């Protein structure tokens, strides 16, 4: 985001008590803001979800319509809950296989609120994924996403260093000039591919923000593009045990997975596994960001025939370990229209969380 160094910001209501203690908190927010900027967090890059398979359309548009049923999915994540004004993000999606068009359709809505910088992002997109069975054992999906990306700066909530009296902590009028745009809306395009073998192996790639639209707040400034995000993910499902005897029927599976994402200077590698014995799933992932460890993610999920609930917690390993409180994330999935008479191609078996 261009000119972000001009907005050493925090939420206005956080310093309305006008006390030196609150001023110290404001200084901490300024330091954190500078760290986030230097780390690339504010440079027009996408938020992450630890339960990436519980948010399939956000991960890869080729995943639209790959489930055995139509899916309503909701996701929420709170980043750094120990800090005031933490980063909140939400998404909701619906996808469904449609036989006449030989593919899946989907709708994705994502919203995030970056409290430290009073920046709100809204993304709404429609998705089509073409489904092709290459053979009895191998399937291929190709997904196409067209949407709208809006980034809005809540200028009235910004507090700049020149507004703060260092002795009293009181807030004075600022000399900062209003940006040329406090809201930028641009078209956005993404594409993805997914392949599966016998519901045992799968792999996918995706490219988001193909046009890299400009999100500059200022006229006559250098472009501030929404950088292309490249994703590669793969995994397997290994049957460890199976029993089918009356009401005591179950399967016990291990699913190792890997995910790699690259967006300009931001890189992350997720490596881990899920263990599932219905109705419970547990998982552990290690997330490595660029040149340093980022977090260990613990997941727990519960699912029945038409409902699924997941929770995960990120244990921070980076330099902010002692102050952020990690991250909480929850997911909810509702399944409908589970009609086996669709004549649908074989579903690709991906993890649920």
Protein backbone atom coordinates (compact mmCIF):
# COMPACT_ATOMS: atom_id res chain seq x y z
CA UNK A 1 0.00 0.00 0.00
CA UNK A 2 1.65 3.20 -1.16
CA UNK A 3 2.14 6.05 1.32
CA UNK A 4 1.35 3.83 4.30
CA UNK A 5 4.31 5.43 6.09
CA UNK A 6 2.19 8.61 6.31
CA UNK A 7 -0.45 6.84 8.36
CA UNK A 8 1.24 5.88 11.63
CA UNK A 9 -2.24 5.05 12.80
CA UNK A 10 -4.34 3.65 15.57
CA UNK A 11 -8.05 3.66 16.31
CA UNK A 12 -9.19 7.02 17.64
CA UNK A 13 -11.31 5.67 20.48
CA UNK A 14 -8.32 3.79 21.92
CA UNK A 15 -6.75 7.05 23.10
CA UNK A 16 -9.79 9.09 24.14
CA UNK A 17 -8.97 8.72 27.87
CA UNK A 18 -6.21 11.33 27.33
CA UNK A 19 -3.77 9.75 29.79
CA UNK A 20 -0.02 9.18 29.53
CA UNK A 21 -0.64 5.41 29.88
CA UNK A 22 -2.85 5.39 26.81
CA UNK A 23 -0.25 7.43 24.99
CA UNK A 24 2.27 4.68 25.66
CA UNK A 25 -0.16 2.20 24.14
CA UNK A 26 -0.45 4.47 21.13
CA UNK A 27 3.32 4.50 20.77
CA UNK A 28 3.25 0.69 20.89
CA UNK A 29 0.69 0.67 18.09
CA UNK A 30 2.94 2.94 16.02
CA UNK A 31 5.84 0.52 16.51
CA UNK A 32 3.63 -2.45 15.62
CA UNK A 33 2.34 -0.64 12.54
CA UNK A 34 5.90 0.02 11.34
CA UNK A 35 6.79 -3.64 11.97
CA UNK A 36 3.78 -4.80 9.97
CA UNK A 37 4.72 -2.50 7.13
CA UNK A 38 8.33 -3.67 7.05
CA UNK A 39 7.15 -7.28 7.21
CA UNK A 40 4.94 -6.82 4.19
CA UNK A 41 1.62 -7.30 6.03
CA UNK A 42 0.13 -4.03 4.74
CA UNK A 43 1.44 -4.23 1.20
CA UNK A 44 -1.78 -5.22 -0.54
CA UNK A 45 -1.51 -8.89 0.37
CA UNK A 46 -4.22 -11.40 1.19
CA UNK A 47 -5.11 -12.53 4.71
CA UNK A 48 -4.53 -16.20 5.50
CA UNK A 49 -6.75 -18.91 6.96
CA UNK A 50 -5.24 -21.74 8.97
CA UNK A 51 -8.18 -24.03 8.14
CA UNK A 52 -7.62 -23.53 4.42
CA UNK A 53 -9.65 -26.58 3.32
CA UNK A 54 -12.58 -25.43 5.47
CA UNK A 55 -12.62 -22.35 3.19
CA UNK A 56 -12.25 -24.09 -0.19
CA UNK A 57 -13.38 -21.34 -2.57
CA UNK A 58 -10.97 -18.88 -0.94
CA UNK A 59 -8.14 -21.37 -1.40
CA UNK A 60 -8.73 -22.41 -5.01
CA UNK A 61 -11.67 -21.64 -7.37
CA UNK A 62 -11.31 -25.15 -8.84
CA UNK A 63 -12.73 -26.52 -5.56
CA UNK A 64 -16.23 -25.20 -6.37
CA UNK A 65 -18.68 -28.07 -6.55
CA UNK A 66 -16.20 -30.78 -5.56
CA UNK A 67 -18.11 -31.92 -2.49
CA UNK A 68 -20.71 -34.67 -2.48
CA UNK A 69 -23.38 -32.09 -1.53
CA UNK A 70 -24.03 -28.40 -1.97
CA UNK A 71 -22.22 -26.45 0.77
CA UNK A 72 -22.92 -23.34 2.83
CA UNK A 73 -19.69 -22.36 4.58
CA UNK A 74 -18.85 -19.62 7.09
CA UNK A 75 -15.38 -18.79 8.47
CA UNK A 76 -14.15 -16.31 11.05
CA UNK A 77 -10.62 -15.52 12.24
CA UNK A 78 -9.27 -13.22 14.94
CA UNK A 79 -5.60 -12.38 14.52
CA UNK A 80 -3.58 -11.23 17.55
CA UNK A 81 -6.43 -11.16 20.13
CA UNK A 82 -4.17 -9.91 22.95
CA UNK A 83 -3.78 -6.54 21.22
CA UNK A 84 -6.52 -3.88 21.05
CA UNK A 85 -7.97 -3.43 17.59
CA UNK A 86 -6.99 -6.93 16.45
CA UNK A 87 -7.34 -8.08 12.87
CA UNK A 88 -10.76 -9.64 12.20
CA UNK A 89 -11.71 -11.47 9.02
CA UNK A 90 -14.84 -13.25 7.87
CA UNK A 91 -15.90 -15.18 4.80
CA UNK A 92 -19.03 -16.89 3.57
CA UNK A 93 -19.51 -19.08 0.53
CA UNK A 94 -21.91 -21.36 -1.29
CA UNK A 95 -21.06 -23.90 -3.95
CA UNK A 96 -22.95 -26.59 -5.81
CA UNK A 97 -22.46 -29.01 -8.68
CA UNK A 98 -24.78 -28.28 -11.63
CA UNK A 99 -25.11 -31.22 -14.02
CA UNK A 100 -26.29 -29.31 -17.18
CA UNK A 101 -23.15 -27.16 -17.21
CA UNK A 102 -20.86 -30.04 -16.18
CA UNK A 103 -19.33 -28.18 -13.31
CA UNK A 104 -19.61 -26.40 -10.01
CA UNK A 105 -20.77 -22.85 -9.34
CA UNK A 106 -19.94 -20.81 -6.29
CA UNK A 107 -20.32 -17.46 -4.57
CA UNK A 108 -17.62 -16.14 -2.22
CA UNK A 109 -17.79 -13.12 0.10
CA UNK A 110 -14.77 -12.12 2.18
CA UNK A 111 -14.38 -9.18 4.55
CA UNK A 112 -11.52 -8.21 6.84
CA UNK A 113 -10.98 -5.33 9.24
CA UNK A 114 -7.39 -4.38 10.08
CA UNK A 115 -7.86 -2.58 13.38
CA UNK A 116 -4.30 -1.24 13.60
CA UNK A 117 -4.69 0.65 10.32
CA UNK A 118 -8.49 1.14 10.12
CA UNK A 119 -8.50 -0.56 6.71
CA UNK A 120 -11.53 -2.55 5.60
CA UNK A 121 -11.43 -4.94 2.64
CA UNK A 122 -14.45 -6.47 0.89
CA UNK A 123 -14.27 -9.08 -1.85
CA UNK A 124 -17.28 -10.56 -3.67
CA UNK A 125 -16.84 -13.04 -6.51
CA UNK A 126 -18.61 -15.65 -8.59
CA UNK A 127 -16.93 -18.92 -9.56
CA UNK A 128 -17.36 -21.62 -12.18
CA UNK A 129 -15.38 -24.87 -12.07
CA UNK A 130 -15.46 -27.27 -15.01
CA UNK A 131 -15.36 -30.94 -13.96
CA UNK A 132 -13.78 -33.55 -16.20
CA UNK A 133 -13.29 -37.25 -15.54
CA UNK A 134 -10.20 -38.26 -17.51
CA UNK A 135 -10.62 -41.92 -16.56
CA UNK A 136 -12.32 -44.04 -13.94
CA UNK A 137 -9.56 -43.18 -11.51
CA UNK A 138 -8.46 -39.66 -12.46
CA UNK A 139 -10.38 -36.36 -12.34
CA UNK A 140 -9.51 -32.80 -13.31
CA UNK A 141 -11.13 -29.48 -12.36
CA UNK A 142 -10.51 -26.02 -13.83
CA UNK A 143 -11.92 -23.03 -11.91
CA UNK A 144 -12.49 -19.44 -13.03
CA UNK A 145 -13.31 -16.58 -10.66
CA UNK A 146 -14.58 -13.08 -11.49
CA UNK A 147 -15.20 -10.58 -8.75
CA UNK A 148 -14.97 -7.17 -7.15
CA UNK A 149 -12.28 -6.11 -4.68
CA UNK A 150 -12.88 -3.03 -2.52
CA UNK A 151 -10.43 -1.48 -0.06
CA UNK A 152 -11.66 1.29 2.21
CA UNK A 153 -9.66 3.54 4.55
CA UNK A 154 -11.57 4.74 7.63
CA UNK A 155 -9.88 8.13 7.70
CA UNK A 156 -12.00 9.45 10.58
CA UNK A 157 -10.59 6.71 12.83
CA UNK A 158 -6.94 7.44 12.05
CA UNK A 159 -4.68 9.08 14.63
CA UNK A 160 -1.31 10.50 13.50
CA UNK A 161 1.75 11.33 15.62
CA UNK A 162 1.27 15.10 15.19
CA UNK A 163 -2.20 14.82 16.77
CA UNK A 164 -0.93 13.51 20.12
CA UNK A 165 0.34 15.74 22.94
CA UNK A 166 3.34 13.86 24.36
CA UNK A 167 2.76 15.29 27.84
CA UNK A 168 -0.98 14.77 28.31
CA UNK A 169 -1.89 12.21 25.66
CA UNK A 170 -4.65 14.50 24.40
CA UNK A 171 -5.66 14.37 20.73
CA UNK A 172 -5.47 17.53 18.62
CA UNK A 173 -6.50 18.22 15.00
CA UNK A 174 -4.11 16.81 12.42
CA UNK A 175 -2.36 18.56 9.56
CA UNK A 176 -2.48 15.40 7.45
CA UNK A 177 -4.18 15.94 4.10
CA UNK A 178 -7.11 13.72 3.16
CA UNK A 179 -6.11 11.13 0.52
CA UNK A 180 -7.51 11.53 -2.98
CA UNK A 181 -9.44 8.29 -2.47
CA UNK A 182 -10.54 6.69 0.79
CA UNK A 183 -12.26 3.86 -1.08
CA UNK A 184 -10.93 1.97 -4.10
CA UNK A 185 -13.00 -0.63 -5.99
CA UNK A 186 -11.46 -2.73 -8.77
CA UNK A 187 -12.37 -5.85 -10.79
CA UNK A 188 -10.51 -9.00 -9.83
CA UNK A 189 -9.84 -12.29 -11.66
CA UNK A 190 -8.46 -15.64 -10.52
CA UNK A 191 -7.96 -19.13 -11.92
CA UNK A 192 -7.22 -22.54 -10.46
CA UNK A 193 -6.74 -26.21 -11.32
CA UNK A 194 -7.23 -29.37 -9.27
CA UNK A 195 -6.51 -33.01 -9.99
CA UNK A 196 -7.43 -36.13 -8.06
CA UNK A 197 -6.71 -39.84 -8.20
CA UNK A 198 -9.10 -42.45 -6.71
CA UNK A 199 -10.11 -40.10 -3.86
CA UNK A 200 -6.68 -40.91 -2.43
CA UNK A 201 -4.31 -38.32 -3.93
CA UNK A 202 -4.97 -34.74 -4.99
CA UNK A 203 -3.01 -31.65 -5.99
CA UNK A 204 -3.99 -28.14 -7.02
CA UNK A 205 -2.60 -24.79 -8.12
CA UNK A 206 -4.23 -21.36 -8.17
CA UNK A 207 -3.37 -17.84 -9.27
CA UNK A 208 -5.35 -15.01 -7.66
CA UNK A 209 -5.45 -11.35 -8.76
CA UNK A 210 -4.28 -12.06 -12.30
CA UNK A 211 -4.64 -8.41 -13.41
CA UNK A 212 -2.88 -7.05 -10.29
CA UNK A 213 -5.25 -4.05 -10.01
CA UNK A 214 -4.04 -0.72 -8.60
CA UNK A 215 -5.22 0.11 -5.04
CA UNK A 216 -3.52 3.52 -4.64
CA UNK A 217 -5.10 6.02 -2.27
CA UNK A 218 -3.41 8.95 -4.03
CA UNK A 219 -3.48 10.34 -7.54
CA UNK A 220 -0.10 11.01 -9.18
CA UNK A 221 1.59 8.34 -7.05
CA UNK A 222 3.34 5.11 -7.84
CA UNK A 223 1.01 2.20 -8.42
CA UNK A 224 0.08 0.11 -5.38
CA UNK A 225 -0.96 -3.18 -6.99
CA UNK A 226 -2.87 -6.01 -5.42
CA UNK A 227 -0.07 -8.46 -6.12
CA UNK A 228 -0.75 -11.83 -7.72
CA UNK A 229 -0.94 -14.67 -5.23
CA UNK A 230 0.26 -18.13 -6.32
CA UNK A 231 -0.83 -21.21 -4.40
CA UNK A 232 0.18 -24.85 -4.66
CA UNK A 233 -1.35 -27.52 -2.44
CA UNK A 234 -1.33 -31.31 -2.34
CA UNK A 235 -2.23 -34.16 -0.05
CA UNK A 236 -3.29 -37.75 0.36
CA UNK A 237 -5.73 -39.81 2.39
CA UNK A 238 -4.33 -43.02 3.89
CA UNK A 239 -6.70 -45.58 5.40
CA UNK A 240 -5.25 -46.80 8.71
CA UNK A 241 -8.18 -48.88 9.96
CA UNK A 242 -11.74 -49.69 8.97
CA UNK A 243 -14.61 -51.49 10.63
CA UNK A 244 -18.13 -52.11 9.43
CA UNK A 245 -20.24 -54.01 11.92
CA UNK A 246 -23.76 -52.80 12.66
CA UNK A 247 -23.71 -49.45 14.44
CA UNK A 248 -20.01 -49.81 15.22
CA UNK A 249 -18.80 -48.73 11.78
CA UNK A 250 -15.90 -46.37 11.35
CA UNK A 251 -12.82 -45.48 9.35
CA UNK A 252 -9.55 -44.14 10.75
CA UNK A 253 -7.51 -42.12 8.25
CA UNK A 254 -4.30 -40.12 8.09
CA UNK A 255 -4.09 -37.20 5.66
CA UNK A 256 -0.65 -35.57 5.21
CA UNK A 257 -0.81 -32.20 3.42
CA UNK A 258 1.39 -29.40 2.18
CA UNK A 259 0.52 -25.88 1.03
CA UNK A 260 2.81 -23.20 -0.40
CA UNK A 261 1.80 -19.60 -1.15
CA UNK A 262 3.75 -16.77 -2.70
CA UNK A 263 2.62 -13.13 -2.97
CA UNK A 264 5.37 -10.66 -3.77
CA UNK A 265 7.69 -10.71 -0.73
CA UNK A 266 5.34 -12.82 1.38
CA UNK A 267 5.93 -16.57 1.31
CA UNK A 268 4.51 -19.27 3.52
CA UNK A 269 4.86 -23.02 3.69
CA UNK A 270 2.35 -25.15 5.63
CA UNK A 271 3.24 -28.76 6.38
CA UNK A 272 1.17 -31.05 8.56
CA UNK A 273 -1.44 -33.77 8.82
CA UNK A 274 -4.99 -34.61 9.85
CA UNK A 275 -6.16 -37.69 11.75
CA UNK A 276 -9.84 -38.55 11.34
CA UNK A 277 -12.02 -41.04 13.12
CA UNK A 278 -15.59 -40.00 12.57
CA UNK A 279 -17.03 -37.81 13.90
CA UNK A 280 -13.75 -36.21 15.08
CA UNK A 281 -10.76 -34.80 13.20
CA UNK A 282 -7.55 -33.49 14.72
CA UNK A 283 -4.69 -31.78 12.95
CA UNK A 284 -1.30 -30.17 13.50
CA UNK A 285 0.46 -27.89 11.01
CA UNK A 286 3.74 -26.01 11.02
CA UNK A 287 3.70 -22.70 9.14
CA UNK A 288 7.01 -21.28 7.96
CA UNK A 289 6.99 -17.73 6.65
CA UNK A 290 9.76 -16.63 4.30
CA UNK A 291 12.93 -16.93 6.44
CA UNK A 292 11.54 -17.59 9.91
CA UNK A 293 9.04 -19.88 11.70
CA UNK A 294 5.59 -18.29 11.94
CA UNK A 295 3.28 -20.58 13.89
CA UNK A 296 2.22 -24.05 14.94
CA UNK A 297 -1.47 -24.59 14.23
CA UNK A 298 -3.64 -27.00 16.24
CA UNK A 299 -7.04 -27.97 14.81
CA UNK A 300 -10.06 -29.87 16.07
CA UNK A 301 -13.15 -30.63 14.02
CA UNK A 302 -16.47 -32.39 14.49
CA UNK A 303 -18.74 -33.52 11.68
CA UNK A 304 -21.97 -35.38 11.14
CA UNK A 305 -23.86 -36.08 7.94
CA UNK A 306 -24.92 -32.50 7.20
CA UNK A 307 -23.00 -30.28 9.60
CA UNK A 308 -19.35 -29.64 10.35
CA UNK A 309 -17.70 -27.37 12.94
CA UNK A 310 -13.99 -26.66 13.25
CA UNK A 311 -11.73 -24.70 15.58
CA UNK A 312 -8.04 -23.92 15.30
CA UNK A 313 -5.51 -21.95 17.31
CA UNK A 314 -2.21 -20.55 16.01
CA UNK A 315 0.68 -20.59 18.48
CA UNK A 316 2.89 -17.72 17.33
CA UNK A 317 6.60 -18.48 16.90
CA UNK A 318 7.74 -15.18 15.37
CA UNK A 319 9.15 -12.09 17.11
CA UNK A 320 5.63 -11.12 18.23
CA UNK A 321 5.25 -14.35 20.22
CA UNK A 322 4.99 -12.77 23.66
CA UNK A 323 2.48 -10.04 22.81
CA UNK A 324 -0.04 -11.13 20.17
CA UNK A 325 -1.97 -14.03 21.68
CA UNK A 326 -1.78 -16.07 18.47
CA UNK A 327 -4.95 -16.41 16.41
CA UNK A 328 -8.36 -18.04 16.81
CA UNK A 329 -10.33 -19.43 13.89
CA UNK A 330 -13.69 -21.17 13.58
CA UNK A 331 -15.49 -22.72 10.62
CA UNK A 332 -19.04 -23.93 10.02
CA UNK A 333 -20.30 -26.00 7.09
CA UNK A 334 -23.87 -27.01 6.28
CA UNK A 335 -24.55 -29.62 3.58
CA UNK A 336 -27.76 -29.66 1.51
CA UNK A 337 -29.08 -31.30 -1.69
CA UNK A 338 -27.20 -34.54 -1.16
CA UNK A 339 -28.87 -36.34 -4.06
CA UNK A 340 -26.89 -39.27 -5.45
CA UNK A 341 -29.01 -39.24 -8.63
CA UNK A 342 -27.17 -36.21 -10.03
CA UNK A 343 -24.90 -38.36 -12.19
CA UNK A 344 -22.04 -36.22 -10.88
CA UNK A 345 -18.41 -37.06 -11.71
CA UNK A 346 -16.50 -38.64 -8.87
CA UNK A 347 -15.84 -36.11 -6.12
CA UNK A 348 -12.21 -35.33 -5.32
CA UNK A 349 -11.54 -36.19 -1.71
CA UNK A 350 -9.92 -33.22 0.05
CA UNK A 351 -9.57 -32.67 3.82
CA UNK A 352 -12.46 -30.98 5.62
CA UNK A 353 -10.36 -28.50 7.60
